[in-house]
Amino acid sequence: MQDSSQTLSMSGMRPTGQLHLGHLFGTLALWTQASEMEGAFFEIADLHAFTTSYANPQLIHDMRQELLLDWLAAGVDPNKATIFLQSAIPEISELNTILAMILPVAWLQRVPTYKEQIAALGPEIATYGFLGYPLLQLCDIAVFRAHRVPVGKDQLSHLELGREIIRRFNHFYGDVLVEPQALLSAFPDVPGTDGRKMSKSYHNTIAIADDAATTQQKIRGMITDPQKIRKNDPGHPEICPVFKLHTMVNAERTPAISEDCKSGALGCVACKTELSEKLTSHLAPIRARRHELAQDPAKLERILSTGNQRAREAASTTLHDVRTALKIGN
């Protein structure tokens, strides 16, 4: 059984679309820190992607590489962290089957995001797999006995459910699995171009893979303080998404920007222009690394192949202990 004193981190993302600033300043910022420590596992969650994109397997396949490029460009180190493909680790699916036997359906039905996502995305996603999404998500974590999980606030209910399931399993079969703890980002809510949380679902993103011209165009069109109609009108930076982005890439200037906005000395066009320059400069080395990495697809395959092997070795140890606890397979 794994030494419980070892600190492990595990997290994953679905390959369903381009990553954006919300990922870069949120989860990926935590991942780059975690990848410097021992035992970090990062998953391309392609099985999870089928819960909402089951009709488009080619998209899921193609986006796997795009996801990996964004991770590496953002600073996740594959020499220190284990990057792997969810579908390449059958132990995850086996653990999912085992834990499903002790999981009351009512526990899944009470997850807040279940009904919210069906309302937002349509009844066609209300499948058996979608209902069980939080369990499969837990198995990604539990199969590596991860102690810490970098997550967004919208995933906290899933993680708490996972902790309950692990407590239930350990109650029946002994202290086999580890209860994970959440690790939240310093910037959990990155605003999109329309003022709402940046999200692929809202089509309000600035993608990591965007070029400089596209980034500048999106910033020019961003929603700002609705009460600041004319240049010299006093503004309210605390409610302005443009100002929120300044705090992420232009922190040393935010006190002055806030003061000038409130006094009416700074107009929205000038504020957006400065943000565009700072953000483009911040993203330039990330985008350059991404472009360079994209020229060597064989290297990307080697990273995944190595990661898959390491992940299977770790997962098989947990499955052995789980099977022993249940007295099966022997």
C-alpha atoms as a PDB file:
ATOM      1  CA  MET A   1       0.000   0.000   0.000  1.00  0.00           C
ATOM      2  CA  GLN A   2       1.264   3.487  -0.867  1.00  0.00           C
ATOM      3  CA  ASP A   3       3.034   5.593   1.772  1.00  0.00           C
ATOM      4  CA  SER A   4       0.398   8.093   2.901  1.00  0.00           C
ATOM      5  CA  SER A   5       3.090  10.650   3.751  1.00  0.00           C
ATOM      6  CA  GLN A   6       3.918  11.107   0.049  1.00  0.00           C
ATOM      7  CA  THR A   7       2.341  14.217  -1.450  1.00  0.00           C
ATOM      8  CA  LEU A   8       0.664  13.589  -4.791  1.00  0.00           C
ATOM      9  CA  SER A   9      -1.298  15.860  -7.122  1.00  0.00           C
ATOM     10  CA  MET A  10      -3.665  14.771  -9.861  1.00  0.00           C
ATOM     11  CA  SER A  11      -5.835  16.716 -12.265  1.00  0.00           C
ATOM     12  CA  GLY A  12      -7.127  16.504 -15.818  1.00  0.00           C
ATOM     13  CA  MET A  13      -8.884  18.286 -18.660  1.00  0.00           C
ATOM     14  CA  ARG A  14     -11.238  17.149 -21.391  1.00  0.00           C
ATOM     15  CA  PRO A  15     -10.029  17.505 -25.011  1.00  0.00           C
ATOM     16  CA  THR A  16     -13.133  19.298 -26.268  1.00  0.00           C
ATOM     17  CA  GLY A  17     -11.795  22.685 -27.406  1.00  0.00           C
ATOM     18  CA  GLN A  18      -9.003  25.238 -27.278  1.00  0.00           C
ATOM     19  CA  LEU A  19      -7.696  26.187 -23.843  1.00  0.00           C
ATOM     20  CA  HIS A  20      -7.929  29.848 -22.893  1.00  0.00           C
ATOM     21  CA  LEU A  21      -6.794  32.412 -20.332  1.00  0.00           C
ATOM     22  CA  GLY A  22      -9.132  30.953 -17.731  1.00  0.00           C
ATOM     23  CA  HIS A  23      -7.129  27.729 -17.893  1.00  0.00           C
ATOM     24  CA  LEU A  24      -3.767  29.505 -18.125  1.00  0.00           C
ATOM     25  CA  PHE A  25      -4.229  31.727 -15.058  1.00  0.00           C
ATOM     26  CA  GLY A  26      -6.316  29.158 -13.200  1.00  0.00           C
ATOM     27  CA  THR A  27      -5.628  25.438 -13.324  1.00  0.00           C
ATOM     28  CA  LEU A  28      -2.457  25.529 -15.434  1.00  0.00           C
ATOM     29  CA  ALA A  29      -0.798  27.953 -13.036  1.00  0.00           C
ATOM     30  CA  LEU A  30      -1.330  25.357 -10.296  1.00  0.00           C
ATOM     31  CA  TRP A  31      -0.155  22.550 -12.571  1.00  0.00           C
ATOM     32  CA  THR A  32       3.160  24.204 -13.367  1.00  0.00           C
ATOM     33  CA  GLN A  33       3.812  24.526  -9.634  1.00  0.00           C
ATOM     34  CA  ALA A  34       2.710  20.956  -8.953  1.00  0.00           C
ATOM     35  CA  SER A  35       4.899  19.602 -11.754  1.00  0.00           C
ATOM     36  CA  GLU A  36       7.941  20.780  -9.841  1.00  0.00           C
ATOM     37  CA  MET A  37       7.047  18.450  -6.976  1.00  0.00           C
ATOM     38  CA  GLU A  38       7.152  14.689  -6.726  1.00  0.00           C
ATOM     39  CA  GLY A  39       4.234  12.624  -7.942  1.00  0.00           C
ATOM     40  CA  ALA A  40       2.150  14.945 -10.157  1.00  0.00           C
ATOM     41  CA  PHE A  41      -0.218  13.235 -12.616  1.00  0.00           C
ATOM     42  CA  PHE A  42      -2.016  15.136 -15.391  1.00  0.00           C
ATOM     43  CA  GLU A  43      -4.669  13.446 -17.509  1.00  0.00           C
ATOM     44  CA  ILE A  44      -6.026  14.053 -20.983  1.00  0.00           C
ATOM     45  CA  ALA A  45      -9.558  12.999 -20.074  1.00  0.00           C
ATOM     46  CA  ASP A  46     -10.729  11.665 -23.426  1.00  0.00           C
ATOM     47  CA  LEU A  47     -13.277   9.259 -21.911  1.00  0.00           C
ATOM     48  CA  HIS A  48     -14.846  12.162 -20.029  1.00  0.00           C
ATOM     49  CA  ALA A  49     -15.114  14.081 -23.296  1.00  0.00           C
ATOM     50  CA  PHE A  50     -17.601  11.535 -24.604  1.00  0.00           C
ATOM     51  CA  THR A  51     -20.159  12.566 -21.960  1.00  0.00           C
ATOM     52  CA  THR A  52     -20.978  15.665 -24.019  1.00  0.00           C
ATOM     53  CA  SER A  53     -19.183  15.130 -27.362  1.00  0.00           C
ATOM     54  CA  TYR A  54     -19.987  11.467 -27.994  1.00  0.00           C
ATOM     55  CA  ALA A  55     -21.194  12.219 -31.524  1.00  0.00           C
ATOM     56  CA  ASN A  56     -17.845  13.704 -32.569  1.00  0.00           C
ATOM     57  CA  PRO A  57     -14.996  11.284 -31.764  1.00  0.00           C
ATOM     58  CA  GLN A  58     -12.727  12.874 -34.373  1.00  0.00           C
ATOM     59  CA  LEU A  59     -12.837  16.184 -32.488  1.00  0.00           C
ATOM     60  CA  ILE A  60     -11.873  14.439 -29.259  1.00  0.00           C
ATOM     61  CA  HIS A  61      -9.000  12.655 -31.008  1.00  0.00           C
ATOM     62  CA  ASP A  62      -7.697  15.807 -32.713  1.00  0.00           C
ATOM     63  CA  MET A  63      -7.926  17.944 -29.588  1.00  0.00           C
ATOM     64  CA  ARG A  64      -5.713  15.593 -27.567  1.00  0.00           C
ATOM     65  CA  GLN A  65      -2.594  17.022 -29.194  1.00  0.00           C
ATOM     66  CA  GLU A  66      -3.881  20.595 -28.921  1.00  0.00           C
ATOM     67  CA  LEU A  67      -4.395  20.085 -25.190  1.00  0.00           C
ATOM     68  CA  LEU A  68      -0.917  18.668 -24.734  1.00  0.00           C
ATOM     69  CA  LEU A  69       0.647  21.558 -26.650  1.00  0.00           C
ATOM     70  CA  ASP A  70      -1.063  24.096 -24.393  1.00  0.00           C
ATOM     71  CA  TRP A  71       0.073  22.277 -21.247  1.00  0.00           C
ATOM     72  CA  LEU A  72       3.699  22.051 -22.310  1.00  0.00           C
ATOM     73  CA  ALA A  73       3.775  25.624 -23.585  1.00  0.00           C
ATOM     74  CA  ALA A  74       2.359  26.859 -20.266  1.00  0.00           C
ATOM     75  CA  GLY A  75       5.237  25.223 -18.394  1.00  0.00           C
ATOM     76  CA  VAL A  76       4.093  21.743 -17.342  1.00  0.00           C
ATOM     77  CA  ASP A  77       7.303  19.686 -17.308  1.00  0.00           C
ATOM     78  CA  PRO A  78       6.836  16.135 -18.681  1.00  0.00           C
ATOM     79  CA  ASN A  79      10.198  15.103 -17.245  1.00  0.00           C
ATOM     80  CA  LYS A  80       8.936  15.727 -13.716  1.00  0.00           C
ATOM     81  CA  ALA A  81       5.186  15.148 -14.057  1.00  0.00           C
ATOM     82  CA  THR A  82       3.332  12.187 -15.569  1.00  0.00           C
ATOM     83  CA  ILE A  83       1.149  13.213 -18.502  1.00  0.00           C
ATOM     84  CA  PHE A  84      -1.127  10.439 -19.719  1.00  0.00           C
ATOM     85  CA  LEU A  85      -4.226   9.542 -21.700  1.00  0.00           C
ATOM     86  CA  GLN A  86      -7.232   8.446 -19.658  1.00  0.00           C
ATOM     87  CA  SER A  87      -8.342   5.780 -22.147  1.00  0.00           C
ATOM     88  CA  ALA A  88      -4.879   4.185 -22.021  1.00  0.00           C
ATOM     89  CA  ILE A  89      -5.295   3.341 -18.312  1.00  0.00           C
ATOM     90  CA  PRO A  90      -7.868   0.503 -18.044  1.00  0.00           C
ATOM     91  CA  GLU A  91      -7.421   0.439 -14.264  1.00  0.00           C
ATOM     92  CA  ILE A  92      -9.434   3.666 -14.097  1.00  0.00           C
ATOM     93  CA  SER A  93     -12.432   2.039 -15.769  1.00  0.00           C
ATOM     94  CA  GLU A  94     -12.117  -1.059 -13.578  1.00  0.00           C
ATOM     95  CA  LEU A  95     -12.086   1.026 -10.417  1.00  0.00           C
ATOM     96  CA  ASN A  96     -15.098   2.921 -11.760  1.00  0.00           C
ATOM     97  CA  THR A  97     -17.007  -0.374 -12.090  1.00  0.00           C
ATOM     98  CA  ILE A  98     -16.050  -1.467  -8.582  1.00  0.00           C
ATOM     99  CA  LEU A  99     -16.974   1.819  -6.873  1.00  0.00           C
ATOM    100  CA  ALA A 100     -20.253   1.988  -8.806  1.00  0.00           C
ATOM    101  CA  MET A 101     -21.398  -1.065  -6.853  1.00  0.00           C
ATOM    102  CA  ILE A 102     -21.422   0.874  -3.560  1.00  0.00           C
ATOM    103  CA  LEU A 103     -22.509   4.292  -4.831  1.00  0.00           C
ATOM    104  CA  PRO A 104     -26.166   5.212  -4.176  1.00  0.00           C
ATOM    105  CA  VAL A 105     -27.787   6.745  -7.263  1.00  0.00           C
ATOM    106  CA  ALA A 106     -29.270   9.502  -5.103  1.00  0.00           C
ATOM    107  CA  TRP A 107     -25.759  10.751  -4.345  1.00  0.00           C
ATOM    108  CA  LEU A 108     -25.180  11.385  -8.042  1.00  0.00           C
ATOM    109  CA  GLN A 109     -28.585  12.965  -8.608  1.00  0.00           C
ATOM    110  CA  ARG A 110     -27.986  15.598  -5.935  1.00  0.00           C
ATOM    111  CA  VAL A 111     -24.808  16.963  -7.607  1.00  0.00           C
ATOM    112  CA  PRO A 112     -25.719  20.594  -8.514  1.00  0.00           C
ATOM    113  CA  THR A 113     -24.017  20.590 -11.903  1.00  0.00           C
ATOM    114  CA  TYR A 114     -26.013  17.569 -13.144  1.00  0.00           C
ATOM    115  CA  LYS A 115     -29.309  19.406 -13.688  1.00  0.00           C
ATOM    116  CA  GLU A 116     -27.561  22.700 -14.489  1.00  0.00           C
ATOM    117  CA  GLN A 117     -25.575  21.161 -17.349  1.00  0.00           C
ATOM    118  CA  ILE A 118     -28.606  19.352 -18.755  1.00  0.00           C
ATOM    119  CA  ALA A 119     -30.518  22.639 -18.744  1.00  0.00           C
ATOM    120  CA  ALA A 120     -27.605  24.416 -20.431  1.00  0.00           C
ATOM    121  CA  LEU A 121     -26.574  21.776 -22.981  1.00  0.00           C
ATOM    122  CA  GLY A 122     -29.822  19.933 -23.669  1.00  0.00           C
ATOM    123  CA  PRO A 123     -31.522  16.675 -22.615  1.00  0.00           C
ATOM    124  CA  GLU A 124     -29.511  14.585 -25.099  1.00  0.00           C
ATOM    125  CA  ILE A 125     -26.539  14.607 -22.708  1.00  0.00           C
ATOM    126  CA  ALA A 126     -28.613  13.056 -19.888  1.00  0.00           C
ATOM    127  CA  THR A 127     -26.949   9.670 -20.335  1.00  0.00           C
ATOM    128  CA  TYR A 128     -25.857   7.001 -17.867  1.00  0.00           C
ATOM    129  CA  GLY A 129     -22.276   8.144 -18.413  1.00  0.00           C
ATOM    130  CA  PHE A 130     -23.119  11.781 -17.748  1.00  0.00           C
ATOM    131  CA  LEU A 131     -24.900  10.915 -14.504  1.00  0.00           C
ATOM    132  CA  GLY A 132     -21.843   8.926 -13.432  1.00  0.00           C
ATOM    133  CA  TYR A 133     -19.349  11.590 -14.516  1.00  0.00           C
ATOM    134  CA  PRO A 134     -18.367  12.514 -10.927  1.00  0.00           C
ATOM    135  CA  LEU A 135     -17.585   8.869 -10.131  1.00  0.00           C
ATOM    136  CA  LEU A 136     -15.304   8.438 -13.134  1.00  0.00           C
ATOM    137  CA  GLN A 137     -13.683  11.740 -12.188  1.00  0.00           C
ATOM    138  CA  LEU A 138     -13.060  10.385  -8.701  1.00  0.00           C
ATOM    139  CA  CYS A 139     -11.517   7.207 -10.123  1.00  0.00           C
ATOM    140  CA  ASP A 140      -9.010   9.315 -12.072  1.00  0.00           C
ATOM    141  CA  ILE A 141      -7.874  10.698  -8.729  1.00  0.00           C
ATOM    142  CA  ALA A 142      -8.284   7.667  -6.489  1.00  0.00           C
ATOM    143  CA  VAL A 143      -6.387   5.246  -8.725  1.00  0.00           C
ATOM    144  CA  PHE A 144      -3.238   7.320  -8.063  1.00  0.00           C
ATOM    145  CA  ARG A 145      -4.091   7.930  -4.395  1.00  0.00           C
ATOM    146  CA  ALA A 146      -3.723  11.644  -5.014  1.00  0.00           C
ATOM    147  CA  HIS A 147      -3.675  13.843  -1.904  1.00  0.00           C
ATOM    148  CA  ARG A 148      -4.236  17.151  -3.700  1.00  0.00           C
ATOM    149  CA  VAL A 149      -6.419  18.053  -6.678  1.00  0.00           C
ATOM    150  CA  PRO A 150      -6.053  21.427  -8.434  1.00  0.00           C
ATOM    151  CA  VAL A 151      -9.670  22.234  -9.338  1.00  0.00           C
ATOM    152  CA  GLY A 152     -11.971  25.087 -10.177  1.00  0.00           C
ATOM    153  CA  LYS A 153     -14.736  26.132  -7.803  1.00  0.00           C
ATOM    154  CA  ASP A 154     -17.321  24.531 -10.084  1.00  0.00           C
ATOM    155  CA  GLN A 155     -15.757  21.118  -9.402  1.00  0.00           C
ATOM    156  CA  LEU A 156     -15.802  21.312  -5.601  1.00  0.00           C
ATOM    157  CA  SER A 157     -19.160  19.518  -5.326  1.00  0.00           C
ATOM    158  CA  HIS A 158     -17.757  16.662  -7.434  1.00  0.00           C
ATOM    159  CA  LEU A 159     -14.687  16.413  -5.234  1.00  0.00           C
ATOM    160  CA  GLU A 160     -16.728  16.377  -2.019  1.00  0.00           C
ATOM    161  CA  LEU A 161     -18.898  13.602  -3.436  1.00  0.00           C
ATOM    162  CA  GLY A 162     -15.712  11.718  -4.269  1.00  0.00           C
ATOM    163  CA  ARG A 163     -14.495  12.073  -0.711  1.00  0.00           C
ATOM    164  CA  GLU A 164     -17.795  10.627   0.540  1.00  0.00           C
ATOM    165  CA  ILE A 165     -17.475   7.646  -1.797  1.00  0.00           C
ATOM    166  CA  ILE A 166     -13.940   6.958  -0.599  1.00  0.00           C
ATOM    167  CA  ARG A 167     -15.044   7.128   3.032  1.00  0.00           C
ATOM    168  CA  ARG A 168     -17.803   4.646   2.233  1.00  0.00           C
ATOM    169  CA  PHE A 169     -15.372   2.280   0.484  1.00  0.00           C
ATOM    170  CA  ASN A 170     -12.815   2.471   3.290  1.00  0.00           C
ATOM    171  CA  HIS A 171     -15.572   1.864   5.850  1.00  0.00           C
ATOM    172  CA  PHE A 172     -16.514  -1.401   4.152  1.00  0.00           C
ATOM    173  CA  TYR A 173     -13.082  -2.658   3.082  1.00  0.00           C
ATOM    174  CA  GLY A 174     -10.382  -0.981   5.143  1.00  0.00           C
ATOM    175  CA  ASP A 175      -8.085   2.001   4.688  1.00  0.00           C
ATOM    176  CA  VAL A 176      -7.207   1.477   1.025  1.00  0.00           C
ATOM    177  CA  LEU A 177      -8.013   4.731  -0.792  1.00  0.00           C
ATOM    178  CA  VAL A 178      -6.996   8.331  -0.010  1.00  0.00           C
ATOM    179  CA  GLU A 179      -9.397  11.248   0.501  1.00  0.00           C
ATOM    180  CA  PRO A 180      -8.172  14.063  -1.778  1.00  0.00           C
ATOM    181  CA  GLN A 181      -8.090  17.726  -0.817  1.00  0.00           C
ATOM    182  CA  ALA A 182      -8.905  20.612  -3.169  1.00  0.00           C
ATOM    183  CA  LEU A 183      -6.249  23.073  -4.280  1.00  0.00           C
ATOM    184  CA  LEU A 184      -7.805  26.302  -5.596  1.00  0.00           C
ATOM    185  CA  SER A 185      -6.253  28.827  -7.957  1.00  0.00           C
ATOM    186  CA  ALA A 186      -5.409  32.405  -7.047  1.00  0.00           C
ATOM    187  CA  PHE A 187      -7.562  33.434 -10.048  1.00  0.00           C
ATOM    188  CA  PRO A 188     -10.538  31.030 -10.025  1.00  0.00           C
ATOM    189  CA  ASP A 189     -12.755  33.343 -12.121  1.00  0.00           C
ATOM    190  CA  VAL A 190     -11.140  34.829 -15.213  1.00  0.00           C
ATOM    191  CA  PRO A 191     -13.589  37.113 -17.049  1.00  0.00           C
ATOM    192  CA  GLY A 192     -14.434  36.510 -20.680  1.00  0.00           C
ATOM    193  CA  THR A 193     -14.878  39.086 -23.407  1.00  0.00           C
ATOM    194  CA  ASP A 194     -18.577  39.452 -22.577  1.00  0.00           C
ATOM    195  CA  GLY A 195     -18.032  39.956 -18.843  1.00  0.00           C
ATOM    196  CA  ARG A 196     -19.152  36.457 -17.842  1.00  0.00           C
ATOM    197  CA  LYS A 197     -16.714  33.809 -16.667  1.00  0.00           C
ATOM    198  CA  MET A 198     -14.432  32.832 -19.541  1.00  0.00           C
ATOM    199  CA  SER A 199     -15.768  29.553 -20.910  1.00  0.00           C
ATOM    200  CA  LYS A 200     -15.769  27.609 -24.173  1.00  0.00           C
ATOM    201  CA  SER A 201     -19.513  27.177 -23.704  1.00  0.00           C
ATOM    202  CA  TYR A 202     -20.037  30.963 -23.800  1.00  0.00           C
ATOM    203  CA  HIS A 203     -17.766  31.554 -26.829  1.00  0.00           C
ATOM    204  CA  ASN A 204     -16.152  34.442 -24.938  1.00  0.00           C
ATOM    205  CA  THR A 205     -12.588  33.186 -24.715  1.00  0.00           C
ATOM    206  CA  ILE A 206      -9.106  34.404 -25.546  1.00  0.00           C
ATOM    207  CA  ALA A 207      -7.319  31.207 -26.505  1.00  0.00           C
ATOM    208  CA  ILE A 208      -3.730  30.395 -25.650  1.00  0.00           C
ATOM    209  CA  ALA A 209      -3.277  29.422 -29.311  1.00  0.00           C
ATOM    210  CA  ASP A 210      -4.703  32.701 -30.675  1.00  0.00           C
ATOM    211  CA  ASP A 211      -2.270  34.945 -32.522  1.00  0.00           C
ATOM    212  CA  ALA A 212      -1.483  38.499 -31.406  1.00  0.00           C
ATOM    213  CA  ALA A 213      -3.879  40.128 -33.894  1.00  0.00           C
ATOM    214  CA  THR A 214      -6.787  37.956 -32.771  1.00  0.00           C
ATOM    215  CA  THR A 215      -6.032  38.701 -29.119  1.00  0.00           C
ATOM    216  CA  GLN A 216      -5.979  42.436 -29.778  1.00  0.00           C
ATOM    217  CA  GLN A 217      -9.248  42.271 -31.704  1.00  0.00           C
ATOM    218  CA  LYS A 218     -10.983  40.378 -28.894  1.00  0.00           C
ATOM    219  CA  ILE A 219      -9.769  42.834 -26.254  1.00  0.00           C
ATOM    220  CA  ARG A 220     -10.980  45.805 -28.320  1.00  0.00           C
ATOM    221  CA  GLY A 221     -14.449  44.263 -28.300  1.00  0.00           C
ATOM    222  CA  MET A 222     -14.557  43.483 -24.580  1.00  0.00           C
ATOM    223  CA  ILE A 223     -17.409  44.635 -22.362  1.00  0.00           C
ATOM    224  CA  THR A 224     -16.350  47.274 -19.811  1.00  0.00           C
ATOM    225  CA  ASP A 225     -18.060  49.313 -17.096  1.00  0.00           C
ATOM    226  CA  PRO A 226     -21.579  49.977 -18.517  1.00  0.00           C
ATOM    227  CA  GLN A 227     -21.770  53.289 -16.608  1.00  0.00           C
ATOM    228  CA  LYS A 228     -18.620  54.692 -18.238  1.00  0.00           C
ATOM    229  CA  ILE A 229     -20.161  55.816 -21.510  1.00  0.00           C
ATOM    230  CA  ARG A 230     -17.827  58.699 -22.420  1.00  0.00           C
ATOM    231  CA  LYS A 231     -14.048  58.807 -22.079  1.00  0.00           C
ATOM    232  CA  ASN A 232     -14.039  61.271 -19.176  1.00  0.00           C
ATOM    233  CA  ASP A 233     -16.854  59.642 -17.204  1.00  0.00           C
ATOM    234  CA  PRO A 234     -15.731  58.272 -13.820  1.00  0.00           C
ATOM    235  CA  GLY A 235     -15.452  54.476 -13.929  1.00  0.00           C
ATOM    236  CA  HIS A 236     -15.814  51.560 -11.559  1.00  0.00           C
ATOM    237  CA  PRO A 237     -12.802  49.294 -12.111  1.00  0.00           C
ATOM    238  CA  GLU A 238     -13.988  46.782  -9.503  1.00  0.00           C
ATOM    239  CA  ILE A 239     -16.745  45.645 -11.886  1.00  0.00           C
ATOM    240  CA  CYS A 240     -14.778  45.922 -15.141  1.00  0.00           C
ATOM    241  CA  PRO A 241     -13.491  42.671 -16.724  1.00  0.00           C
ATOM    242  CA  VAL A 242     -10.744  44.569 -18.531  1.00  0.00           C
ATOM    243  CA  PHE A 243      -9.398  45.778 -15.195  1.00  0.00           C
ATOM    244  CA  LYS A 244      -9.585  42.218 -13.810  1.00  0.00           C
ATOM    245  CA  LEU A 245      -7.315  41.045 -16.616  1.00  0.00           C
ATOM    246  CA  HIS A 246      -4.913  43.905 -15.820  1.00  0.00           C
ATOM    247  CA  THR A 247      -4.497  42.454 -12.316  1.00  0.00           C
ATOM    248  CA  MET A 248      -3.221  39.223 -13.890  1.00  0.00           C
ATOM    249  CA  VAL A 249      -0.671  40.564 -16.374  1.00  0.00           C
ATOM    250  CA  ASN A 250      -0.117  44.182 -15.360  1.00  0.00           C
ATOM    251  CA  ALA A 251      -0.249  44.112 -11.561  1.00  0.00           C
ATOM    252  CA  GLU A 252       2.303  46.865 -10.978  1.00  0.00           C
ATOM    253  CA  ARG A 253       0.150  49.329 -12.917  1.00  0.00           C
ATOM    254  CA  THR A 254      -3.255  48.432 -11.476  1.00  0.00           C
ATOM    255  CA  PRO A 255      -3.248  51.022  -8.648  1.00  0.00           C
ATOM    256  CA  ALA A 256      -2.651  53.838 -11.126  1.00  0.00           C
ATOM    257  CA  ILE A 257      -5.128  52.416 -13.640  1.00  0.00           C
ATOM    258  CA  SER A 258      -7.772  52.149 -10.920  1.00  0.00           C
ATOM    259  CA  GLU A 259      -7.231  55.751  -9.794  1.00  0.00           C
ATOM    260  CA  ASP A 260      -7.266  57.154 -13.343  1.00  0.00           C
ATOM    261  CA  CYS A 261     -10.361  55.147 -14.240  1.00  0.00           C
ATOM    262  CA  LYS A 262     -12.268  56.387 -11.204  1.00  0.00           C
ATOM    263  CA  SER A 263     -11.287  60.008 -11.864  1.00  0.00           C
ATOM    264  CA  GLY A 264     -12.165  59.861 -15.547  1.00  0.00           C
ATOM    265  CA  ALA A 265      -8.587  60.526 -16.635  1.00  0.00           C
ATOM    266  CA  LEU A 266      -8.334  57.135 -18.350  1.00  0.00           C
ATOM    267  CA  GLY A 267     -10.709  56.115 -21.119  1.00  0.00           C
ATOM    268  CA  CYS A 268     -11.675  52.552 -21.995  1.00  0.00           C
ATOM    269  CA  VAL A 269      -9.923  52.592 -25.386  1.00  0.00           C
ATOM    270  CA  ALA A 270      -6.577  53.515 -23.830  1.00  0.00           C
ATOM    271  CA  CYS A 271      -7.112  51.011 -21.028  1.00  0.00           C
ATOM    272  CA  LYS A 272      -7.807  48.223 -23.522  1.00  0.00           C
ATOM    273  CA  THR A 273      -4.794  49.216 -25.630  1.00  0.00           C
ATOM    274  CA  GLU A 274      -2.473  48.917 -22.641  1.00  0.00           C
ATOM    275  CA  LEU A 275      -4.001  45.586 -21.661  1.00  0.00           C
ATOM    276  CA  SER A 276      -3.621  44.289 -25.200  1.00  0.00           C
ATOM    277  CA  GLU A 277       0.076  45.187 -25.234  1.00  0.00           C
ATOM    278  CA  LYS A 278       0.740  43.648 -21.809  1.00  0.00           C
ATOM    279  CA  LEU A 279      -1.240  40.483 -22.490  1.00  0.00           C
ATOM    280  CA  THR A 280       0.346  39.964 -25.912  1.00  0.00           C
ATOM    281  CA  SER A 281       3.789  40.380 -24.365  1.00  0.00           C
ATOM    282  CA  HIS A 282       2.924  37.931 -21.571  1.00  0.00           C
ATOM    283  CA  LEU A 283       1.660  35.324 -24.019  1.00  0.00           C
ATOM    284  CA  ALA A 284       4.413  35.722 -26.629  1.00  0.00           C
ATOM    285  CA  PRO A 285       6.920  33.233 -25.135  1.00  0.00           C
ATOM    286  CA  ILE A 286       4.139  30.727 -24.387  1.00  0.00           C
ATOM    287  CA  ARG A 287       2.880  30.921 -27.947  1.00  0.00           C
ATOM    288  CA  ALA A 288       6.427  30.653 -29.322  1.00  0.00           C
ATOM    289  CA  ARG A 289       7.022  27.467 -27.299  1.00  0.00           C
ATOM    290  CA  ARG A 290       3.700  26.093 -28.488  1.00  0.00           C
ATOM    291  CA  HIS A 291       4.598  26.714 -32.144  1.00  0.00           C
ATOM    292  CA  GLU A 292       7.996  25.073 -31.706  1.00  0.00           C
ATOM    293  CA  LEU A 293       6.534  21.999 -29.998  1.00  0.00           C
ATOM    294  CA  ALA A 294       3.916  21.605 -32.723  1.00  0.00           C
ATOM    295  CA  GLN A 295       6.692  20.999 -35.251  1.00  0.00           C
ATOM    296  CA  ASP A 296       7.650  17.728 -33.545  1.00  0.00           C
ATOM    297  CA  PRO A 297       4.554  15.512 -33.230  1.00  0.00           C
ATOM    298  CA  ALA A 298       6.761  12.457 -32.631  1.00  0.00           C
ATOM    299  CA  LYS A 299       8.010  14.069 -29.424  1.00  0.00           C
ATOM    300  CA  LEU A 300       4.439  14.579 -28.252  1.00  0.00           C
ATOM    301  CA  GLU A 301       3.688  10.898 -28.868  1.00  0.00           C
ATOM    302  CA  ARG A 302       6.789   9.890 -26.889  1.00  0.00           C
ATOM    303  CA  ILE A 303       5.693  12.068 -23.960  1.00  0.00           C
ATOM    304  CA  LEU A 304       2.285  10.388 -23.899  1.00  0.00           C
ATOM    305  CA  SER A 305       3.702   6.899 -24.348  1.00  0.00           C
ATOM    306  CA  THR A 306       6.118   7.366 -21.438  1.00  0.00           C
ATOM    307  CA  GLY A 307       3.398   8.926 -19.302  1.00  0.00           C
ATOM    308  CA  ASN A 308       0.935   6.150 -20.062  1.00  0.00           C
ATOM    309  CA  GLN A 309       3.441   3.547 -18.932  1.00  0.00           C
ATOM    310  CA  ARG A 310       4.217   5.360 -15.676  1.00  0.00           C
ATOM    311  CA  ALA A 311       0.526   5.944 -14.990  1.00  0.00           C
ATOM    312  CA  ARG A 312      -0.341   2.284 -15.513  1.00  0.00           C
ATOM    313  CA  GLU A 313       2.386   1.201 -13.108  1.00  0.00           C
ATOM    314  CA  ALA A 314       1.010   3.478 -10.384  1.00  0.00           C
ATOM    315  CA  ALA A 315      -2.633   2.584 -11.104  1.00  0.00           C
ATOM    316  CA  SER A 316      -1.991  -1.163 -11.077  1.00  0.00           C
ATOM    317  CA  THR A 317      -0.627  -0.946  -7.532  1.00  0.00           C
ATOM    318  CA  THR A 318      -3.865   0.642  -6.322  1.00  0.00           C
ATOM    319  CA  LEU A 319      -6.023  -1.868  -8.209  1.00  0.00           C
ATOM    320  CA  HIS A 320      -4.088  -4.736  -6.664  1.00  0.00           C
ATOM    321  CA  ASP A 321      -4.850  -3.389  -3.187  1.00  0.00           C
ATOM    322  CA  VAL A 322      -8.510  -2.774  -4.060  1.00  0.00           C
ATOM    323  CA  ARG A 323      -8.937  -6.286  -5.465  1.00  0.00           C
ATOM    324  CA  THR A 324      -7.250  -7.756  -2.402  1.00  0.00           C
ATOM    325  CA  ALA A 325      -9.578  -5.805  -0.107  1.00  0.00           C
ATOM    326  CA  LEU A 326     -12.615  -7.109  -2.022  1.00  0.00           C
ATOM    327  CA  LYS A 327     -11.156 -10.623  -2.222  1.00  0.00           C
ATOM    328  CA  ILE A 328     -11.577 -10.784  -6.008  1.00  0.00           C
ATOM    329  CA  GLY A 329      -9.251 -11.818  -8.800  1.00  0.00           C
ATOM    330  CA  ASN A 330      -7.211 -14.181  -6.665  1.00  0.00           C
END
